[in-house]
Full PDB file with SEQRES, HELIX, SHEET, SSBOND, CRYST1, ORIGX, SCALE, CONECT and MASTER records, all heavy atoms in Angstrom:
SEQRES   1 A   38  SER MET ALA GLN PRO GLY ARG VAL LEU PHE LEU GLY THR          
SEQRES   2 A   38  PRO CYS THR GLY SER GLY VAL ALA ARG ARG LEU GLY GLN          
SEQRES   3 A   38  TRP GLY LEU GLY ARG ARG ALA ILE GLY LEU ALA ALA              
HELIX    1 AA1 GLY A   19  LEU A   24  1                                   6    
HELIX    2 AA2 GLY A   28  ILE A   34  1                                   7    
CRYST1    1.000    1.000    1.000  90.00  90.00  90.00 P 1           1          
ORIGX1      1.000000  0.000000  0.000000        0.00000                         
ORIGX2      0.000000  1.000000  0.000000        0.00000                         
ORIGX3      0.000000  0.000000  1.000000        0.00000                         
SCALE1      1.000000  0.000000  0.000000        0.00000                         
SCALE2      0.000000  1.000000  0.000000        0.00000                         
SCALE3      0.000000  0.000000  1.000000        0.00000                         
ATOM      1  N   SER A   1     117.228  -2.774 -26.100  1.00  0.00           N  
ATOM      2  CA  SER A   1     117.689  -2.538 -27.455  1.00  0.00           C  
ATOM      3  C   SER A   1     118.767  -3.573 -27.785  1.00  0.00           C  
ATOM      4  O   SER A   1     119.687  -3.787 -27.001  1.00  0.00           O  
ATOM      5  CB  SER A   1     118.266  -1.128 -27.586  1.00  0.00           C  
ATOM      6  OG  SER A   1     118.813  -0.928 -28.865  1.00  0.00           O  
ATOM      7  N   MET A   2     118.646  -4.199 -28.943  1.00  0.00           N  
ATOM      8  CA  MET A   2     119.613  -5.200 -29.383  1.00  0.00           C  
ATOM      9  C   MET A   2     120.473  -4.594 -30.486  1.00  0.00           C  
ATOM     10  O   MET A   2     119.951  -4.153 -31.522  1.00  0.00           O  
ATOM     11  CB  MET A   2     118.870  -6.447 -29.876  1.00  0.00           C  
ATOM     12  CG  MET A   2     119.767  -7.565 -30.344  1.00  0.00           C  
ATOM     13  SD  MET A   2     118.780  -9.036 -30.775  1.00  0.00           S  
ATOM     14  CE  MET A   2     120.013  -9.963 -31.710  1.00  0.00           C  
ATOM     15  N   ALA A   3     121.775  -4.572 -30.292  1.00  0.00           N  
ATOM     16  CA  ALA A   3     122.664  -3.876 -31.214  1.00  0.00           C  
ATOM     17  C   ALA A   3     122.813  -4.601 -32.547  1.00  0.00           C  
ATOM     18  O   ALA A   3     122.844  -3.973 -33.606  1.00  0.00           O  
ATOM     19  CB  ALA A   3     124.038  -3.694 -30.555  1.00  0.00           C  
ATOM     20  N   GLN A   4     122.921  -5.921 -32.524  1.00  0.00           N  
ATOM     21  CA  GLN A   4     123.179  -6.667 -33.747  1.00  0.00           C  
ATOM     22  C   GLN A   4     121.897  -6.844 -34.567  1.00  0.00           C  
ATOM     23  O   GLN A   4     120.825  -7.071 -34.024  1.00  0.00           O  
ATOM     24  CB  GLN A   4     123.747  -8.054 -33.424  1.00  0.00           C  
ATOM     25  CG  GLN A   4     124.909  -8.070 -32.455  1.00  0.00           C  
ATOM     26  CD  GLN A   4     124.463  -8.349 -31.023  1.00  0.00           C  
ATOM     27  OE1 GLN A   4     123.417  -7.885 -30.591  1.00  0.00           O  
ATOM     28  NE2 GLN A   4     125.276  -9.111 -30.300  1.00  0.00           N  
ATOM     29  N   PRO A   5     122.007  -6.761 -35.882  1.00  0.00           N  
ATOM     30  CA  PRO A   5     120.853  -7.062 -36.728  1.00  0.00           C  
ATOM     31  C   PRO A   5     120.573  -8.565 -36.722  1.00  0.00           C  
ATOM     32  O   PRO A   5     121.449  -9.364 -36.378  1.00  0.00           O  
ATOM     33  CB  PRO A   5     121.294  -6.579 -38.109  1.00  0.00           C  
ATOM     34  CG  PRO A   5     122.787  -6.703 -38.079  1.00  0.00           C  
ATOM     35  CD  PRO A   5     123.203  -6.383 -36.665  1.00  0.00           C  
ATOM     36  N   GLY A   6     119.372  -8.936 -37.093  1.00  0.00           N  
ATOM     37  CA  GLY A   6     119.035 -10.349 -37.150  1.00  0.00           C  
ATOM     38  C   GLY A   6     117.532 -10.550 -37.165  1.00  0.00           C  
ATOM     39  O   GLY A   6     116.762  -9.618 -36.905  1.00  0.00           O  
ATOM     40  N   ARG A   7     117.122 -11.763 -37.456  1.00  0.00           N  
ATOM     41  CA  ARG A   7     115.700 -12.105 -37.508  1.00  0.00           C  
ATOM     42  C   ARG A   7     115.310 -12.928 -36.281  1.00  0.00           C  
ATOM     43  O   ARG A   7     116.160 -13.393 -35.531  1.00  0.00           O  
ATOM     44  CB  ARG A   7     115.395 -12.875 -38.793  1.00  0.00           C  
ATOM     45  CG  ARG A   7     115.632 -12.048 -40.057  1.00  0.00           C  
ATOM     46  CD  ARG A   7     115.154 -12.773 -41.313  1.00  0.00           C  
ATOM     47  NE  ARG A   7     115.272 -11.894 -42.475  1.00  0.00           N  
ATOM     48  CZ  ARG A   7     116.322 -11.894 -43.300  1.00  0.00           C  
ATOM     49  NH1 ARG A   7     117.333 -12.734 -43.099  1.00  0.00           N  
ATOM     50  NH2 ARG A   7     116.365 -11.053 -44.322  1.00  0.00           N  
ATOM     51  N   VAL A   8     114.002 -13.115 -36.133  1.00  0.00           N  
ATOM     52  CA  VAL A   8     113.453 -13.841 -34.992  1.00  0.00           C  
ATOM     53  C   VAL A   8     112.520 -14.930 -35.509  1.00  0.00           C  
ATOM     54  O   VAL A   8     111.725 -14.696 -36.431  1.00  0.00           O  
ATOM     55  CB  VAL A   8     112.679 -12.894 -34.051  1.00  0.00           C  
ATOM     56  CG1 VAL A   8     112.124 -13.667 -32.849  1.00  0.00           C  
ATOM     57  CG2 VAL A   8     113.579 -11.748 -33.589  1.00  0.00           C  
ATOM     58  N   LEU A   9     112.610 -16.117 -34.910  1.00  0.00           N  
ATOM     59  CA  LEU A   9     111.742 -17.229 -35.306  1.00  0.00           C  
ATOM     60  C   LEU A   9     111.174 -17.894 -34.060  1.00  0.00           C  
ATOM     61  O   LEU A   9     111.910 -18.218 -33.127  1.00  0.00           O  
ATOM     62  CB  LEU A   9     112.540 -18.247 -36.132  1.00  0.00           C  
ATOM     63  CG  LEU A   9     111.758 -19.465 -36.625  1.00  0.00           C  
ATOM     64  CD1 LEU A   9     110.655 -19.042 -37.592  1.00  0.00           C  
ATOM     65  CD2 LEU A   9     112.688 -20.466 -37.303  1.00  0.00           C  
ATOM     66  N   PHE A  10     109.852 -18.082 -34.061  1.00  0.00           N  
ATOM     67  CA  PHE A  10     109.166 -18.789 -32.986  1.00  0.00           C  
ATOM     68  C   PHE A  10     108.752 -20.171 -33.480  1.00  0.00           C  
ATOM     69  O   PHE A  10     108.195 -20.289 -34.572  1.00  0.00           O  
ATOM     70  CB  PHE A  10     107.905 -18.041 -32.543  1.00  0.00           C  
ATOM     71  CG  PHE A  10     108.145 -16.737 -31.836  1.00  0.00           C  
ATOM     72  CD1 PHE A  10     107.073 -15.902 -31.547  1.00  0.00           C  
ATOM     73  CD2 PHE A  10     109.409 -16.329 -31.448  1.00  0.00           C  
ATOM     74  CE1 PHE A  10     107.255 -14.702 -30.883  1.00  0.00           C  
ATOM     75  CE2 PHE A  10     109.612 -15.121 -30.790  1.00  0.00           C  
ATOM     76  CZ  PHE A  10     108.523 -14.310 -30.511  1.00  0.00           C  
ATOM     77  N   LEU A  11     108.959 -21.181 -32.660  1.00  0.00           N  
ATOM     78  CA  LEU A  11     108.510 -22.541 -32.947  1.00  0.00           C  
ATOM     79  C   LEU A  11     107.472 -22.946 -31.904  1.00  0.00           C  
ATOM     80  O   LEU A  11     107.798 -23.120 -30.732  1.00  0.00           O  
ATOM     81  CB  LEU A  11     109.686 -23.526 -32.893  1.00  0.00           C  
ATOM     82  CG  LEU A  11     110.892 -23.237 -33.788  1.00  0.00           C  
ATOM     83  CD1 LEU A  11     111.967 -24.305 -33.574  1.00  0.00           C  
ATOM     84  CD2 LEU A  11     110.486 -23.186 -35.251  1.00  0.00           C  
ATOM     85  N   GLY A  12     106.223 -23.070 -32.320  1.00  0.00           N  
ATOM     86  CA  GLY A  12     105.188 -23.509 -31.404  1.00  0.00           C  
ATOM     87  C   GLY A  12     105.002 -22.603 -30.197  1.00  0.00           C  
ATOM     88  O   GLY A  12     104.650 -23.078 -29.113  1.00  0.00           O  
ATOM     89  N   THR A  13     105.191 -21.323 -30.365  1.00  0.00           N  
ATOM     90  CA  THR A  13     105.058 -20.376 -29.249  1.00  0.00           C  
ATOM     91  C   THR A  13     103.604 -19.968 -29.053  1.00  0.00           C  
ATOM     92  O   THR A  13     102.961 -19.507 -30.003  1.00  0.00           O  
ATOM     93  CB  THR A  13     105.927 -19.130 -29.511  1.00  0.00           C  
ATOM     94  OG1 THR A  13     107.304 -19.494 -29.464  1.00  0.00           O  
ATOM     95  CG2 THR A  13     105.667 -18.056 -28.466  1.00  0.00           C  
ATOM     96  N   PRO A  14     103.074 -20.094 -27.843  1.00  0.00           N  
ATOM     97  CA  PRO A  14     101.687 -19.707 -27.568  1.00  0.00           C  
ATOM     98  C   PRO A  14     101.570 -18.192 -27.380  1.00  0.00           C  
ATOM     99  O   PRO A  14     101.461 -17.694 -26.256  1.00  0.00           O  
ATOM    100  CB  PRO A  14     101.366 -20.470 -26.284  1.00  0.00           C  
ATOM    101  CG  PRO A  14     102.682 -20.600 -25.587  1.00  0.00           C  
ATOM    102  CD  PRO A  14     103.708 -20.746 -26.683  1.00  0.00           C  
ATOM    103  N   CYS A  15     101.582 -17.475 -28.467  1.00  0.00           N  
ATOM    104  CA  CYS A  15     101.643 -16.013 -28.421  1.00  0.00           C  
ATOM    105  C   CYS A  15     100.421 -15.393 -27.751  1.00  0.00           C  
ATOM    106  O   CYS A  15     100.514 -14.317 -27.154  1.00  0.00           O  
ATOM    107  CB  CYS A  15     101.791 -15.462 -29.834  1.00  0.00           C  
ATOM    108  SG  CYS A  15     103.322 -15.960 -30.664  1.00  0.00           S  
ATOM    109  N   THR A  16      99.263 -16.037 -27.853  1.00  0.00           N  
ATOM    110  CA  THR A  16      98.048 -15.476 -27.262  1.00  0.00           C  
ATOM    111  C   THR A  16      97.701 -16.132 -25.926  1.00  0.00           C  
ATOM    112  O   THR A  16      96.623 -15.884 -25.375  1.00  0.00           O  
ATOM    113  CB  THR A  16      96.855 -15.635 -28.216  1.00  0.00           C  
ATOM    114  OG1 THR A  16      96.587 -17.036 -28.417  1.00  0.00           O  
ATOM    115  CG2 THR A  16      97.147 -14.995 -29.562  1.00  0.00           C  
ATOM    116  N   GLY A  17      98.578 -16.970 -25.401  1.00  0.00           N  
ATOM    117  CA  GLY A  17      98.291 -17.722 -24.189  1.00  0.00           C  
ATOM    118  C   GLY A  17      98.069 -19.181 -24.517  1.00  0.00           C  
ATOM    119  O   GLY A  17      98.062 -19.585 -25.680  1.00  0.00           O  
ATOM    120  N   SER A  18      97.866 -20.001 -23.500  1.00  0.00           N  
ATOM    121  CA  SER A  18      97.752 -21.436 -23.694  1.00  0.00           C  
ATOM    122  C   SER A  18      96.547 -22.000 -22.951  1.00  0.00           C  
ATOM    123  O   SER A  18      96.447 -21.882 -21.727  1.00  0.00           O  
ATOM    124  CB  SER A  18      99.024 -22.139 -23.201  1.00  0.00           C  
ATOM    125  OG  SER A  18      98.839 -23.529 -23.083  1.00  0.00           O  
ATOM    126  N   GLY A  19      95.638 -22.620 -23.698  1.00  0.00           N  
ATOM    127  CA  GLY A  19      94.492 -23.262 -23.083  1.00  0.00           C  
ATOM    128  C   GLY A  19      94.895 -24.404 -22.166  1.00  0.00           C  
ATOM    129  O   GLY A  19      94.302 -24.607 -21.106  1.00  0.00           O  
ATOM    130  N   VAL A  20      95.918 -25.150 -22.561  1.00  0.00           N  
ATOM    131  CA  VAL A  20      96.411 -26.248 -21.728  1.00  0.00           C  
ATOM    132  C   VAL A  20      96.964 -25.702 -20.420  1.00  0.00           C  
ATOM    133  O   VAL A  20      96.699 -26.238 -19.333  1.00  0.00           O  
ATOM    134  CB  VAL A  20      97.476 -27.061 -22.483  1.00  0.00           C  
ATOM    135  CG1 VAL A  20      98.183 -28.032 -21.538  1.00  0.00           C  
ATOM    136  CG2 VAL A  20      96.850 -27.821 -23.644  1.00  0.00           C  
ATOM    137  N   ALA A  21      97.750 -24.629 -20.498  1.00  0.00           N  
ATOM    138  CA  ALA A  21      98.313 -24.031 -19.283  1.00  0.00           C  
ATOM    139  C   ALA A  21      97.212 -23.480 -18.389  1.00  0.00           C  
ATOM    140  O   ALA A  21      97.277 -23.612 -17.158  1.00  0.00           O  
ATOM    141  CB  ALA A  21      99.300 -22.931 -19.649  1.00  0.00           C  
ATOM    142  N   ARG A  22      96.190 -22.867 -18.972  1.00  0.00           N  
ATOM    143  CA  ARG A  22      95.089 -22.341 -18.162  1.00  0.00           C  
ATOM    144  C   ARG A  22      94.353 -23.461 -17.441  1.00  0.00           C  
ATOM    145  O   ARG A  22      93.963 -23.304 -16.272  1.00  0.00           O  
ATOM    146  CB  ARG A  22      94.124 -21.534 -19.042  1.00  0.00           C  
ATOM    147  CG  ARG A  22      94.683 -20.182 -19.460  1.00  0.00           C  
ATOM    148  CD  ARG A  22      93.612 -19.295 -20.050  1.00  0.00           C  
ATOM    149  NE  ARG A  22      93.123 -19.802 -21.324  1.00  0.00           N  
ATOM    150  CZ  ARG A  22      93.685 -19.506 -22.502  1.00  0.00           C  
ATOM    151  NH1 ARG A  22      94.746 -18.717 -22.557  1.00  0.00           N  
ATOM    152  NH2 ARG A  22      93.176 -19.981 -23.638  1.00  0.00           N  
ATOM    153  N   ARG A  23      94.157 -24.585 -18.115  1.00  0.00           N  
ATOM    154  CA  ARG A  23      93.501 -25.709 -17.464  1.00  0.00           C  
ATOM    155  C   ARG A  23      94.365 -26.262 -16.333  1.00  0.00           C  
ATOM    156  O   ARG A  23      93.875 -26.539 -15.239  1.00  0.00           O  
ATOM    157  CB  ARG A  23      93.228 -26.811 -18.505  1.00  0.00           C  
ATOM    158  CG  ARG A  23      92.552 -28.050 -17.943  1.00  0.00           C  
ATOM    159  CD  ARG A  23      91.190 -27.744 -17.353  1.00  0.00           C  
ATOM    160  NE  ARG A  23      90.297 -27.154 -18.333  1.00  0.00           N  
ATOM    161  CZ  ARG A  23      89.546 -27.875 -19.182  1.00  0.00           C  
ATOM    162  NH1 ARG A  23      89.589 -29.200 -19.142  1.00  0.00           N  
ATOM    163  NH2 ARG A  23      88.752 -27.279 -20.040  1.00  0.00           N  
ATOM    164  N   LEU A  24      95.671 -26.410 -16.585  1.00  0.00           N  
ATOM    165  CA  LEU A  24      96.577 -26.895 -15.551  1.00  0.00           C  
ATOM    166  C   LEU A  24      96.647 -25.924 -14.382  1.00  0.00           C  
ATOM    167  O   LEU A  24      96.734 -26.333 -13.215  1.00  0.00           O  
ATOM    168  CB  LEU A  24      97.971 -27.109 -16.147  1.00  0.00           C  
ATOM    169  CG  LEU A  24      99.045 -27.745 -15.252  1.00  0.00           C  
ATOM    170  CD1 LEU A  24      98.602 -29.119 -14.770  1.00  0.00           C  
ATOM    171  CD2 LEU A  24     100.369 -27.854 -16.011  1.00  0.00           C  
ATOM    172  N   GLY A  25      96.576 -24.641 -14.686  1.00  0.00           N  
ATOM    173  CA  GLY A  25      96.680 -23.626 -13.654  1.00  0.00           C  
ATOM    174  C   GLY A  25      95.474 -23.517 -12.754  1.00  0.00           C  
ATOM    175  O   GLY A  25      95.494 -22.756 -11.773  1.00  0.00           O  
ATOM    176  N   GLN A  26      94.407 -24.244 -13.061  1.00  0.00           N  
ATOM    177  CA  GLN A  26      93.230 -24.230 -12.213  1.00  0.00           C  
ATOM    178  C   GLN A  26      93.466 -24.944 -10.891  1.00  0.00           C  
ATOM    179  O   GLN A  26      92.714 -24.749  -9.935  1.00  0.00           O  
ATOM    180  CB  GLN A  26      92.043 -24.876 -12.941  1.00  0.00           C  
ATOM    181  CG  GLN A  26      91.541 -24.066 -14.122  1.00  0.00           C  
ATOM    182  CD  GLN A  26      90.429 -24.777 -14.871  1.00  0.00           C  
ATOM    183  OE1 GLN A  26      90.078 -25.928 -14.570  1.00  0.00           O  
ATOM    184  NE2 GLN A  26      89.862 -24.103 -15.861  1.00  0.00           N  
ATOM    185  N   TRP A  27      94.491 -25.791 -10.825  1.00  0.00           N  
ATOM    186  CA  TRP A  27      94.830 -26.513  -9.614  1.00  0.00           C  
ATOM    187  C   TRP A  27      96.110 -25.947  -9.005  1.00  0.00           C  
ATOM    188  O   TRP A  27      97.026 -25.536  -9.724  1.00  0.00           O  
ATOM    189  CB  TRP A  27      95.009 -27.997  -9.915  1.00  0.00           C  
ATOM    190  CG  TRP A  27      93.766 -28.626 -10.467  1.00  0.00           C  
ATOM    191  CD1 TRP A  27      92.653 -29.011  -9.779  1.00  0.00           C  
ATOM    192  CD2 TRP A  27      93.499 -28.938 -11.847  1.00  0.00           C  
ATOM    193  NE1 TRP A  27      91.705 -29.537 -10.624  1.00  0.00           N  
ATOM    194  CE2 TRP A  27      92.193 -29.511 -11.895  1.00  0.00           C  
ATOM    195  CE3 TRP A  27      94.224 -28.778 -13.039  1.00  0.00           C  
ATOM    196  CZ2 TRP A  27      91.612 -29.924 -13.092  1.00  0.00           C  
ATOM    197  CZ3 TRP A  27      93.640 -29.196 -14.217  1.00  0.00           C  
ATOM    198  CH2 TRP A  27      92.350 -29.752 -14.239  1.00  0.00           C  
ATOM    199  N   GLY A  28      96.180 -25.946  -7.700  1.00  0.00           N  
ATOM    200  CA  GLY A  28      97.331 -25.379  -7.009  1.00  0.00           C  
ATOM    201  C   GLY A  28      98.637 -26.031  -7.407  1.00  0.00           C  
ATOM    202  O   GLY A  28      99.628 -25.349  -7.704  1.00  0.00           O  
ATOM    203  N   LEU A  29      98.641 -27.368  -7.421  1.00  0.00           N  
ATOM    204  CA  LEU A  29      99.861 -28.082  -7.806  1.00  0.00           C  
ATOM    205  C   LEU A  29     100.212 -27.802  -9.260  1.00  0.00           C  
ATOM    206  O   LEU A  29     101.384 -27.671  -9.616  1.00  0.00           O  
ATOM    207  CB  LEU A  29      99.689 -29.585  -7.580  1.00  0.00           C  
ATOM    208  CG  LEU A  29      99.730 -30.063  -6.129  1.00  0.00           C  
ATOM    209  CD1 LEU A  29      99.446 -31.565  -6.058  1.00  0.00           C  
ATOM    210  CD2 LEU A  29     101.084 -29.748  -5.497  1.00  0.00           C  
ATOM    211  N   GLY A  30      99.191 -27.691 -10.103  1.00  0.00           N  
ATOM    212  CA  GLY A  30      99.439 -27.399 -11.507  1.00  0.00           C  
ATOM    213  C   GLY A  30     100.036 -26.028 -11.707  1.00  0.00           C  
ATOM    214  O   GLY A  30     100.958 -25.844 -12.505  1.00  0.00           O  
ATOM    215  N   ARG A  31      99.523 -25.049 -10.960  1.00  0.00           N  
ATOM    216  CA  ARG A  31     100.050 -23.689 -11.083  1.00  0.00           C  
ATOM    217  C   ARG A  31     101.503 -23.631 -10.621  1.00  0.00           C  
ATOM    218  O   ARG A  31     102.331 -22.950 -11.213  1.00  0.00           O  
ATOM    219  CB  ARG A  31      99.195 -22.712 -10.283  1.00  0.00           C  
ATOM    220  CG  ARG A  31      99.452 -21.254 -10.656  1.00  0.00           C  
ATOM    221  CD  ARG A  31      98.562 -20.316  -9.876  1.00  0.00           C  
ATOM    222  NE  ARG A  31      98.724 -18.952 -10.357  1.00  0.00           N  
ATOM    223  CZ  ARG A  31      97.899 -18.336 -11.182  1.00  0.00           C  
ATOM    224  NH1 ARG A  31      96.849 -18.980 -11.653  1.00  0.00           N  
ATOM    225  NH2 ARG A  31      98.115 -17.090 -11.561  1.00  0.00           N  
ATOM    226  N   ARG A  32     101.818 -24.373  -9.543  1.00  0.00           N  
ATOM    227  CA  ARG A  32     103.210 -24.404  -9.075  1.00  0.00           C  
ATOM    228  C   ARG A  32     104.109 -25.093 -10.093  1.00  0.00           C  
ATOM    229  O   ARG A  32     105.266 -24.716 -10.279  1.00  0.00           O  
ATOM    230  CB  ARG A  32     103.295 -25.088  -7.712  1.00  0.00           C  
ATOM    231  CG  ARG A  32     102.810 -24.218  -6.562  1.00  0.00           C  
ATOM    232  CD  ARG A  32     103.242 -24.768  -5.219  1.00  0.00           C  
ATOM    233  NE  ARG A  32     102.521 -25.993  -4.889  1.00  0.00           N  
ATOM    234  CZ  ARG A  32     101.332 -26.023  -4.278  1.00  0.00           C  
ATOM    235  NH1 ARG A  32     100.720 -24.886  -3.969  1.00  0.00           N  
ATOM    236  NH2 ARG A  32     100.755 -27.158  -3.996  1.00  0.00           N  
ATOM    237  N   ALA A  33     103.574 -26.120 -10.772  1.00  0.00           N  
ATOM    238  CA  ALA A  33     104.355 -26.825 -11.794  1.00  0.00           C  
ATOM    239  C   ALA A  33     104.651 -25.912 -12.984  1.00  0.00           C  
ATOM    240  O   ALA A  33     105.714 -25.998 -13.593  1.00  0.00           O  
ATOM    241  CB  ALA A  33     103.612 -28.076 -12.252  1.00  0.00           C  
ATOM    242  N   ILE A  34     103.708 -25.050 -13.306  1.00  0.00           N  
ATOM    243  CA  ILE A  34     103.922 -24.120 -14.418  1.00  0.00           C  
ATOM    244  C   ILE A  34     105.026 -23.125 -14.078  1.00  0.00           C  
ATOM    245  O   ILE A  34     105.839 -22.770 -14.922  1.00  0.00           O  
ATOM    246  CB  ILE A  34     102.611 -23.375 -14.745  1.00  0.00           C  
ATOM    247  CG1 ILE A  34     101.592 -24.349 -15.316  1.00  0.00           C  
ATOM    248  CG2 ILE A  34     102.870 -22.240 -15.734  1.00  0.00           C  
ATOM    249  CD1 ILE A  34     100.220 -23.754 -15.496  1.00  0.00           C  
ATOM    250  N   GLY A  35     105.045 -22.678 -12.826  1.00  0.00           N  
ATOM    251  CA  GLY A  35     106.117 -21.779 -12.398  1.00  0.00           C  
ATOM    252  C   GLY A  35     105.839 -20.311 -12.673  1.00  0.00           C  
ATOM    253  O   GLY A  35     104.812 -19.939 -13.257  1.00  0.00           O  
ATOM    254  N   LEU A  36     106.794 -19.475 -12.277  1.00  0.00           N  
ATOM    255  CA  LEU A  36     106.612 -18.030 -12.314  1.00  0.00           C  
ATOM    256  C   LEU A  36     106.472 -17.472 -13.724  1.00  0.00           C  
ATOM    257  O   LEU A  36     105.508 -16.785 -14.047  1.00  0.00           O  
ATOM    258  CB  LEU A  36     107.782 -17.347 -11.599  1.00  0.00           C  
ATOM    259  CG  LEU A  36     107.814 -17.442 -10.073  1.00  0.00           C  
ATOM    260  CD1 LEU A  36     109.087 -16.797  -9.538  1.00  0.00           C  
ATOM    261  CD2 LEU A  36     106.589 -16.762  -9.481  1.00  0.00           C  
ATOM    262  N   ALA A  37     107.473 -17.717 -14.563  1.00  0.00           N  
ATOM    263  CA  ALA A  37     107.502 -17.078 -15.879  1.00  0.00           C  
ATOM    264  C   ALA A  37     106.311 -17.470 -16.735  1.00  0.00           C  
ATOM    265  O   ALA A  37     105.653 -16.622 -17.350  1.00  0.00           O  
ATOM    266  CB  ALA A  37     108.808 -17.417 -16.596  1.00  0.00           C  
ATOM    267  N   ALA A  38     106.002 -18.769 -16.774  1.00  0.00           N  
ATOM    268  CA  ALA A  38     104.890 -19.225 -17.599  1.00  0.00           C  
ATOM    269  C   ALA A  38     103.558 -18.736 -17.052  1.00  0.00           C  
ATOM    270  O   ALA A  38     102.637 -18.416 -17.822  1.00  0.00           O  
ATOM    271  CB  ALA A  38     104.898 -20.743 -17.697  1.00  0.00           C  
TER     272      ALA A  38                                                      
MASTER        0    0    0    2    0    0    0    6  271    1    0    3          
END                                                                             
């Protein structure tokens, strides 16, 4: 819960996932480069 009021803006956020990331993630080194959160 966030106490302060305010708005939110996304710039270029892949809300449904990323085709580029999925392609990179097909390789072991690529998946490690993407990291945990992504």
